[in-house]
């Protein structure tokens, strides 16, 4: 079994979100999207650290290195959620969902989507 990819920090998640939305980007492009509160060198250092951790890959074939997320958004979300489920909710999916729905107002569209998933899972478990 391959070792699990380290969980990203909040700052790293900001960079990953940019890469998932835009695709491969240079340091300058990442910095323009997420670096408004930090300096360019901080963005560069974060990307270097993320490369070492295995969160992103770096293409060095051009003068400006291009970074790309190594895991999909869904895979990363799943990894973070699994850890949160185990640590904060003692494995209770119900408590996680109840807390999530109680803490943030879901849109009508989101609630419809949630209902569809619950109905599908209910049918599948019969």
N, C-alpha and C. Protein backbone atom coordinates (compact mmCIF):
# COMPACT_ATOMS: atom_id res chain seq x y z
N UNK A 1 0.85 -1.18 0.00
CA UNK A 1 0.00 0.00 0.00
C UNK A 1 0.89 1.24 0.00
N UNK A 2 0.61 2.20 -0.88
CA UNK A 2 1.41 3.42 -0.99
C UNK A 2 1.20 4.29 0.24
N UNK A 3 2.25 5.03 0.65
CA UNK A 3 2.08 5.91 1.80
C UNK A 3 1.08 7.03 1.48
N UNK A 4 0.35 7.43 2.52
CA UNK A 4 -0.66 8.47 2.34
C UNK A 4 0.01 9.82 2.13
N UNK A 5 -0.54 10.61 1.22
CA UNK A 5 -0.04 11.96 0.98
C UNK A 5 -0.32 12.80 2.21
N UNK A 6 0.65 13.63 2.64
CA UNK A 6 0.40 14.48 3.82
C UNK A 6 -0.79 15.40 3.57
N UNK A 7 -1.51 15.71 4.65
CA UNK A 7 -2.64 16.61 4.53
C UNK A 7 -2.12 18.04 4.35
N UNK A 8 -2.72 18.79 3.44
CA UNK A 8 -2.26 20.16 3.20
C UNK A 8 -2.67 21.10 4.33
N UNK A 9 -1.83 22.12 4.55
CA UNK A 9 -2.18 23.19 5.49
C UNK A 9 -3.21 24.09 4.83
N UNK A 10 -3.74 25.06 5.58
CA UNK A 10 -4.70 26.00 5.01
C UNK A 10 -4.10 26.78 3.84
N UNK A 11 -2.86 27.24 3.99
CA UNK A 11 -2.21 27.99 2.91
C UNK A 11 -2.00 27.09 1.69
N UNK A 12 -1.63 25.85 1.92
CA UNK A 12 -1.44 24.90 0.81
C UNK A 12 -2.77 24.59 0.12
N UNK A 13 -3.84 24.52 0.90
CA UNK A 13 -5.16 24.28 0.30
C UNK A 13 -5.56 25.44 -0.61
N UNK A 14 -5.19 26.66 -0.23
CA UNK A 14 -5.47 27.81 -1.09
C UNK A 14 -4.78 27.66 -2.44
N UNK A 15 -3.54 27.22 -2.41
CA UNK A 15 -2.78 27.00 -3.65
C UNK A 15 -3.39 25.85 -4.44
N UNK A 16 -3.72 24.75 -3.77
CA UNK A 16 -4.32 23.61 -4.46
C UNK A 16 -5.65 24.00 -5.11
N UNK A 17 -6.44 24.82 -4.42
CA UNK A 17 -7.70 25.27 -5.02
C UNK A 17 -7.45 26.03 -6.32
N UNK A 18 -6.42 26.87 -6.33
CA UNK A 18 -6.08 27.60 -7.55
C UNK A 18 -5.67 26.64 -8.65
N UNK A 19 -4.87 25.63 -8.32
CA UNK A 19 -4.41 24.66 -9.31
C UNK A 19 -5.57 23.80 -9.82
N UNK A 20 -6.48 23.43 -8.95
CA UNK A 20 -7.63 22.63 -9.38
C UNK A 20 -8.54 23.45 -10.30
N UNK A 21 -8.71 24.72 -10.00
CA UNK A 21 -9.60 25.56 -10.81
C UNK A 21 -8.97 25.97 -12.14
N UNK A 22 -7.67 26.27 -12.13
CA UNK A 22 -7.01 26.82 -13.31
C UNK A 22 -6.16 25.82 -14.08
N UNK A 23 -5.76 24.73 -13.43
CA UNK A 23 -4.82 23.80 -14.06
C UNK A 23 -3.40 24.21 -13.72
N UNK A 24 -2.41 23.64 -14.38
CA UNK A 24 -1.01 23.93 -14.09
C UNK A 24 -0.71 25.43 -14.19
N UNK A 25 0.07 25.92 -13.21
CA UNK A 25 0.38 27.35 -13.14
C UNK A 25 1.84 27.57 -12.75
N UNK A 26 2.38 28.72 -13.15
CA UNK A 26 3.71 29.13 -12.70
C UNK A 26 3.58 29.74 -11.30
N UNK A 27 4.71 29.96 -10.64
CA UNK A 27 4.70 30.59 -9.32
C UNK A 27 4.04 31.96 -9.41
N UNK A 28 4.39 32.71 -10.45
CA UNK A 28 3.82 34.05 -10.63
C UNK A 28 2.30 34.00 -10.74
N UNK A 29 1.79 33.05 -11.52
CA UNK A 29 0.35 32.91 -11.70
C UNK A 29 -0.34 32.50 -10.40
N UNK A 30 0.28 31.56 -9.66
CA UNK A 30 -0.27 31.15 -8.36
C UNK A 30 -0.30 32.36 -7.44
N UNK A 31 0.81 33.10 -7.41
CA UNK A 31 0.91 34.25 -6.51
C UNK A 31 -0.16 35.30 -6.85
N UNK A 32 -0.42 35.52 -8.12
CA UNK A 32 -1.45 36.49 -8.52
C UNK A 32 -2.83 36.08 -8.03
N UNK A 33 -3.06 34.78 -7.90
CA UNK A 33 -4.37 34.28 -7.47
C UNK A 33 -4.49 34.26 -5.94
N UNK A 34 -3.46 33.75 -5.26
CA UNK A 34 -3.59 33.52 -3.81
C UNK A 34 -2.64 34.33 -2.95
N UNK A 35 -1.70 35.04 -3.56
CA UNK A 35 -0.64 35.66 -2.77
C UNK A 35 -0.86 37.07 -2.32
N UNK A 36 -2.11 37.55 -2.32
CA UNK A 36 -2.34 38.94 -1.97
C UNK A 36 -1.91 39.30 -0.55
N UNK A 37 -1.92 38.34 0.36
CA UNK A 37 -1.54 38.60 1.74
C UNK A 37 -0.10 38.20 2.04
N UNK A 38 0.54 37.57 1.09
CA UNK A 38 1.92 37.11 1.32
C UNK A 38 2.80 37.59 0.18
N UNK A 39 4.08 37.53 0.41
CA UNK A 39 5.02 37.92 -0.63
C UNK A 39 5.24 36.80 -1.65
N UNK A 40 5.82 37.18 -2.76
CA UNK A 40 6.11 36.23 -3.83
C UNK A 40 7.00 35.10 -3.32
N UNK A 41 8.02 35.45 -2.52
CA UNK A 41 8.94 34.42 -2.04
C UNK A 41 8.24 33.42 -1.11
N UNK A 42 7.22 33.88 -0.39
CA UNK A 42 6.45 32.97 0.45
C UNK A 42 5.67 31.98 -0.40
N UNK A 43 5.07 32.48 -1.49
CA UNK A 43 4.35 31.60 -2.42
C UNK A 43 5.31 30.58 -3.01
N UNK A 44 6.49 31.04 -3.42
CA UNK A 44 7.50 30.14 -3.98
C UNK A 44 7.89 29.08 -2.97
N UNK A 45 8.14 29.49 -1.73
CA UNK A 45 8.56 28.55 -0.69
C UNK A 45 7.45 27.52 -0.40
N UNK A 46 6.21 27.99 -0.38
CA UNK A 46 5.09 27.06 -0.17
C UNK A 46 5.05 26.01 -1.28
N UNK A 47 5.21 26.45 -2.53
CA UNK A 47 5.20 25.51 -3.65
C UNK A 47 6.38 24.54 -3.58
N UNK A 48 7.53 25.03 -3.17
CA UNK A 48 8.70 24.14 -3.01
C UNK A 48 8.42 23.09 -1.92
N UNK A 49 7.87 23.54 -0.80
CA UNK A 49 7.53 22.61 0.28
C UNK A 49 6.47 21.60 -0.17
N UNK A 50 5.50 22.08 -0.93
CA UNK A 50 4.44 21.20 -1.42
C UNK A 50 4.99 20.16 -2.39
N UNK A 51 6.00 20.53 -3.14
CA UNK A 51 6.66 19.58 -4.05
C UNK A 51 7.35 18.49 -3.24
N UNK A 52 8.06 18.89 -2.19
CA UNK A 52 8.75 17.92 -1.33
C UNK A 52 7.77 16.99 -0.63
N UNK A 53 6.61 17.52 -0.24
CA UNK A 53 5.60 16.72 0.45
C UNK A 53 4.82 15.81 -0.50
N UNK A 54 4.94 16.05 -1.80
CA UNK A 54 4.22 15.23 -2.77
C UNK A 54 2.82 15.74 -3.09
N UNK A 55 2.53 16.98 -2.72
CA UNK A 55 1.21 17.55 -3.00
C UNK A 55 1.11 18.09 -4.42
N UNK A 56 2.23 18.57 -4.96
CA UNK A 56 2.26 19.10 -6.33
C UNK A 56 3.47 18.52 -7.05
N UNK A 57 3.39 18.57 -8.37
CA UNK A 57 4.56 18.20 -9.18
C UNK A 57 5.04 19.47 -9.87
N UNK A 58 6.32 19.49 -10.20
CA UNK A 58 6.93 20.66 -10.83
C UNK A 58 7.51 20.26 -12.17
N UNK A 59 7.10 20.96 -13.22
CA UNK A 59 7.64 20.76 -14.56
C UNK A 59 8.74 21.80 -14.77
N UNK A 60 9.97 21.34 -14.89
CA UNK A 60 11.12 22.23 -15.00
C UNK A 60 11.61 22.38 -16.44
N UNK A 61 10.79 21.98 -17.40
CA UNK A 61 11.23 22.00 -18.80
C UNK A 61 11.28 23.41 -19.39
N UNK A 62 10.62 24.36 -18.74
CA UNK A 62 10.67 25.74 -19.21
C UNK A 62 11.37 26.59 -18.16
N UNK A 63 11.71 27.81 -18.54
CA UNK A 63 12.41 28.71 -17.60
C UNK A 63 11.57 28.92 -16.34
N UNK A 64 10.29 29.24 -16.54
CA UNK A 64 9.37 29.39 -15.41
C UNK A 64 8.78 28.01 -15.10
N UNK A 65 9.10 27.49 -13.92
CA UNK A 65 8.59 26.18 -13.54
C UNK A 65 7.07 26.21 -13.42
N UNK A 66 6.45 25.12 -13.84
CA UNK A 66 4.99 25.01 -13.81
C UNK A 66 4.62 23.95 -12.77
N UNK A 67 3.68 24.32 -11.89
CA UNK A 67 3.24 23.43 -10.82
C UNK A 67 1.84 22.90 -11.11
N UNK A 68 1.63 21.65 -10.70
CA UNK A 68 0.35 21.00 -10.92
C UNK A 68 0.02 20.14 -9.69
N UNK A 69 -1.25 20.14 -9.29
CA UNK A 69 -1.69 19.30 -8.17
C UNK A 69 -1.50 17.83 -8.54
N UNK A 70 -0.96 17.05 -7.60
CA UNK A 70 -0.75 15.63 -7.86
C UNK A 70 -2.00 14.81 -7.59
N UNK A 71 -2.84 15.25 -6.66
CA UNK A 71 -4.08 14.54 -6.35
C UNK A 71 -5.25 15.38 -6.80
N UNK A 72 -6.32 14.71 -7.12
CA UNK A 72 -7.53 15.44 -7.52
C UNK A 72 -8.14 16.14 -6.31
N UNK A 73 -9.00 17.09 -6.61
CA UNK A 73 -9.71 17.80 -5.55
C UNK A 73 -10.54 16.81 -4.73
N UNK A 74 -11.25 15.91 -5.41
CA UNK A 74 -12.10 14.94 -4.73
C UNK A 74 -11.29 14.01 -3.82
N UNK A 75 -10.13 13.55 -4.29
CA UNK A 75 -9.29 12.67 -3.48
C UNK A 75 -8.78 13.40 -2.23
N UNK A 76 -8.39 14.65 -2.39
CA UNK A 76 -7.89 15.43 -1.25
C UNK A 76 -9.02 15.70 -0.27
N UNK A 77 -10.19 16.06 -0.77
CA UNK A 77 -11.34 16.28 0.11
C UNK A 77 -11.66 15.02 0.89
N UNK A 78 -11.62 13.88 0.20
CA UNK A 78 -11.92 12.60 0.85
C UNK A 78 -10.92 12.31 1.96
N UNK A 79 -9.65 12.56 1.70
CA UNK A 79 -8.60 12.33 2.70
C UNK A 79 -8.81 13.22 3.93
N UNK A 80 -9.09 14.50 3.69
CA UNK A 80 -9.30 15.44 4.80
C UNK A 80 -10.55 15.05 5.58
N UNK A 81 -11.62 14.72 4.87
CA UNK A 81 -12.88 14.36 5.51
C UNK A 81 -12.74 13.09 6.34
N UNK A 82 -12.04 12.10 5.83
CA UNK A 82 -11.84 10.86 6.57
C UNK A 82 -11.10 11.13 7.88
N UNK A 83 -10.06 11.97 7.81
CA UNK A 83 -9.33 12.32 9.02
C UNK A 83 -10.19 13.07 10.02
N UNK A 84 -10.98 14.01 9.53
CA UNK A 84 -11.88 14.78 10.38
C UNK A 84 -12.93 13.88 11.01
N UNK A 85 -13.48 12.98 10.22
CA UNK A 85 -14.49 12.04 10.72
C UNK A 85 -13.94 11.22 11.88
N UNK A 86 -12.73 10.71 11.71
CA UNK A 86 -12.12 9.89 12.76
C UNK A 86 -11.76 10.71 13.99
N UNK A 87 -11.14 11.87 13.79
CA UNK A 87 -10.62 12.67 14.91
C UNK A 87 -11.69 13.43 15.67
N UNK A 88 -12.58 14.13 14.95
CA UNK A 88 -13.52 15.03 15.61
C UNK A 88 -14.89 14.41 15.88
N UNK A 89 -15.25 13.38 15.14
CA UNK A 89 -16.59 12.82 15.26
C UNK A 89 -16.60 11.35 15.66
N UNK A 90 -15.45 10.83 16.09
CA UNK A 90 -15.30 9.45 16.54
C UNK A 90 -15.93 8.47 15.55
N UNK A 91 -15.81 8.79 14.26
CA UNK A 91 -16.29 7.90 13.22
C UNK A 91 -17.77 8.00 12.91
N UNK A 92 -18.48 8.92 13.55
CA UNK A 92 -19.92 9.04 13.33
C UNK A 92 -20.23 9.95 12.14
N UNK A 93 -20.60 9.33 11.03
CA UNK A 93 -20.97 10.08 9.83
C UNK A 93 -22.19 10.95 10.11
N UNK A 94 -23.14 10.41 10.86
CA UNK A 94 -24.36 11.16 11.18
C UNK A 94 -24.02 12.46 11.91
N UNK A 95 -23.14 12.37 12.90
CA UNK A 95 -22.78 13.58 13.66
C UNK A 95 -22.06 14.59 12.78
N UNK A 96 -21.21 14.12 11.89
CA UNK A 96 -20.51 15.02 10.97
C UNK A 96 -21.50 15.75 10.08
N UNK A 97 -22.44 15.03 9.49
CA UNK A 97 -23.42 15.63 8.58
C UNK A 97 -24.34 16.58 9.34
N UNK A 98 -24.82 16.16 10.51
CA UNK A 98 -25.70 17.01 11.31
C UNK A 98 -24.99 18.30 11.68
N UNK A 99 -23.75 18.21 12.12
CA UNK A 99 -22.99 19.39 12.51
C UNK A 99 -22.75 20.30 11.30
N UNK A 100 -22.44 19.71 10.17
CA UNK A 100 -22.20 20.51 8.96
C UNK A 100 -23.46 21.25 8.53
N UNK A 101 -24.58 20.56 8.55
CA UNK A 101 -25.84 21.19 8.14
C UNK A 101 -26.31 22.23 9.16
N UNK A 102 -26.00 22.03 10.42
CA UNK A 102 -26.42 22.97 11.46
C UNK A 102 -25.53 24.22 11.50
N UNK A 103 -24.30 24.10 11.07
CA UNK A 103 -23.37 25.21 11.21
C UNK A 103 -23.37 26.18 10.04
N UNK A 104 -23.79 25.71 8.88
CA UNK A 104 -23.82 26.56 7.68
C UNK A 104 -25.16 26.38 6.99
N UNK A 105 -25.71 27.45 6.50
CA UNK A 105 -26.98 27.38 5.78
C UNK A 105 -26.74 26.80 4.39
N UNK A 106 -27.42 25.72 4.10
CA UNK A 106 -27.32 25.09 2.78
C UNK A 106 -28.36 25.72 1.86
N UNK A 107 -27.99 25.89 0.60
CA UNK A 107 -28.93 26.43 -0.37
C UNK A 107 -29.99 25.37 -0.70
N UNK A 108 -31.07 25.81 -1.31
CA UNK A 108 -32.13 24.88 -1.72
C UNK A 108 -31.56 23.83 -2.67
N UNK A 109 -30.68 24.25 -3.58
CA UNK A 109 -30.07 23.33 -4.53
C UNK A 109 -29.19 22.30 -3.82
N UNK A 110 -28.44 22.76 -2.83
CA UNK A 110 -27.58 21.84 -2.08
C UNK A 110 -28.41 20.83 -1.30
N UNK A 111 -29.50 21.30 -0.68
CA UNK A 111 -30.36 20.39 0.06
C UNK A 111 -31.00 19.35 -0.86
N UNK A 112 -31.38 19.77 -2.06
CA UNK A 112 -31.93 18.83 -3.03
C UNK A 112 -30.90 17.78 -3.40
N UNK A 113 -29.67 18.21 -3.62
CA UNK A 113 -28.59 17.28 -3.95
C UNK A 113 -28.33 16.31 -2.80
N UNK A 114 -28.33 16.82 -1.58
CA UNK A 114 -28.11 15.98 -0.40
C UNK A 114 -29.22 14.94 -0.29
N UNK A 115 -30.47 15.36 -0.50
CA UNK A 115 -31.60 14.42 -0.44
C UNK A 115 -31.45 13.31 -1.47
N UNK A 116 -31.02 13.66 -2.68
CA UNK A 116 -30.83 12.65 -3.72
C UNK A 116 -29.76 11.63 -3.32
N UNK A 117 -28.68 12.10 -2.74
CA UNK A 117 -27.62 11.19 -2.30
C UNK A 117 -28.14 10.26 -1.20
N UNK A 118 -28.88 10.82 -0.24
CA UNK A 118 -29.42 10.00 0.85
C UNK A 118 -30.39 8.97 0.30
N UNK A 119 -31.25 9.37 -0.62
CA UNK A 119 -32.21 8.42 -1.22
C UNK A 119 -31.48 7.31 -1.97
N UNK A 120 -30.44 7.69 -2.73
CA UNK A 120 -29.68 6.69 -3.48
C UNK A 120 -28.99 5.71 -2.54
N UNK A 121 -28.40 6.22 -1.47
CA UNK A 121 -27.72 5.36 -0.50
C UNK A 121 -28.70 4.48 0.26
N UNK A 122 -29.89 5.01 0.53
CA UNK A 122 -30.92 4.23 1.22
C UNK A 122 -31.37 3.06 0.36
N UNK A 123 -31.59 3.34 -0.94
CA UNK A 123 -31.99 2.28 -1.87
C UNK A 123 -30.89 1.24 -2.01
N UNK A 124 -29.66 1.67 -2.06
CA UNK A 124 -28.53 0.76 -2.25
C UNK A 124 -28.31 -0.15 -1.04
N UNK A 125 -28.71 0.31 0.16
CA UNK A 125 -28.48 -0.49 1.36
C UNK A 125 -29.58 -1.49 1.62
N UNK A 126 -30.66 -1.47 0.82
CA UNK A 126 -31.77 -2.41 1.01
C UNK A 126 -31.47 -3.75 0.42
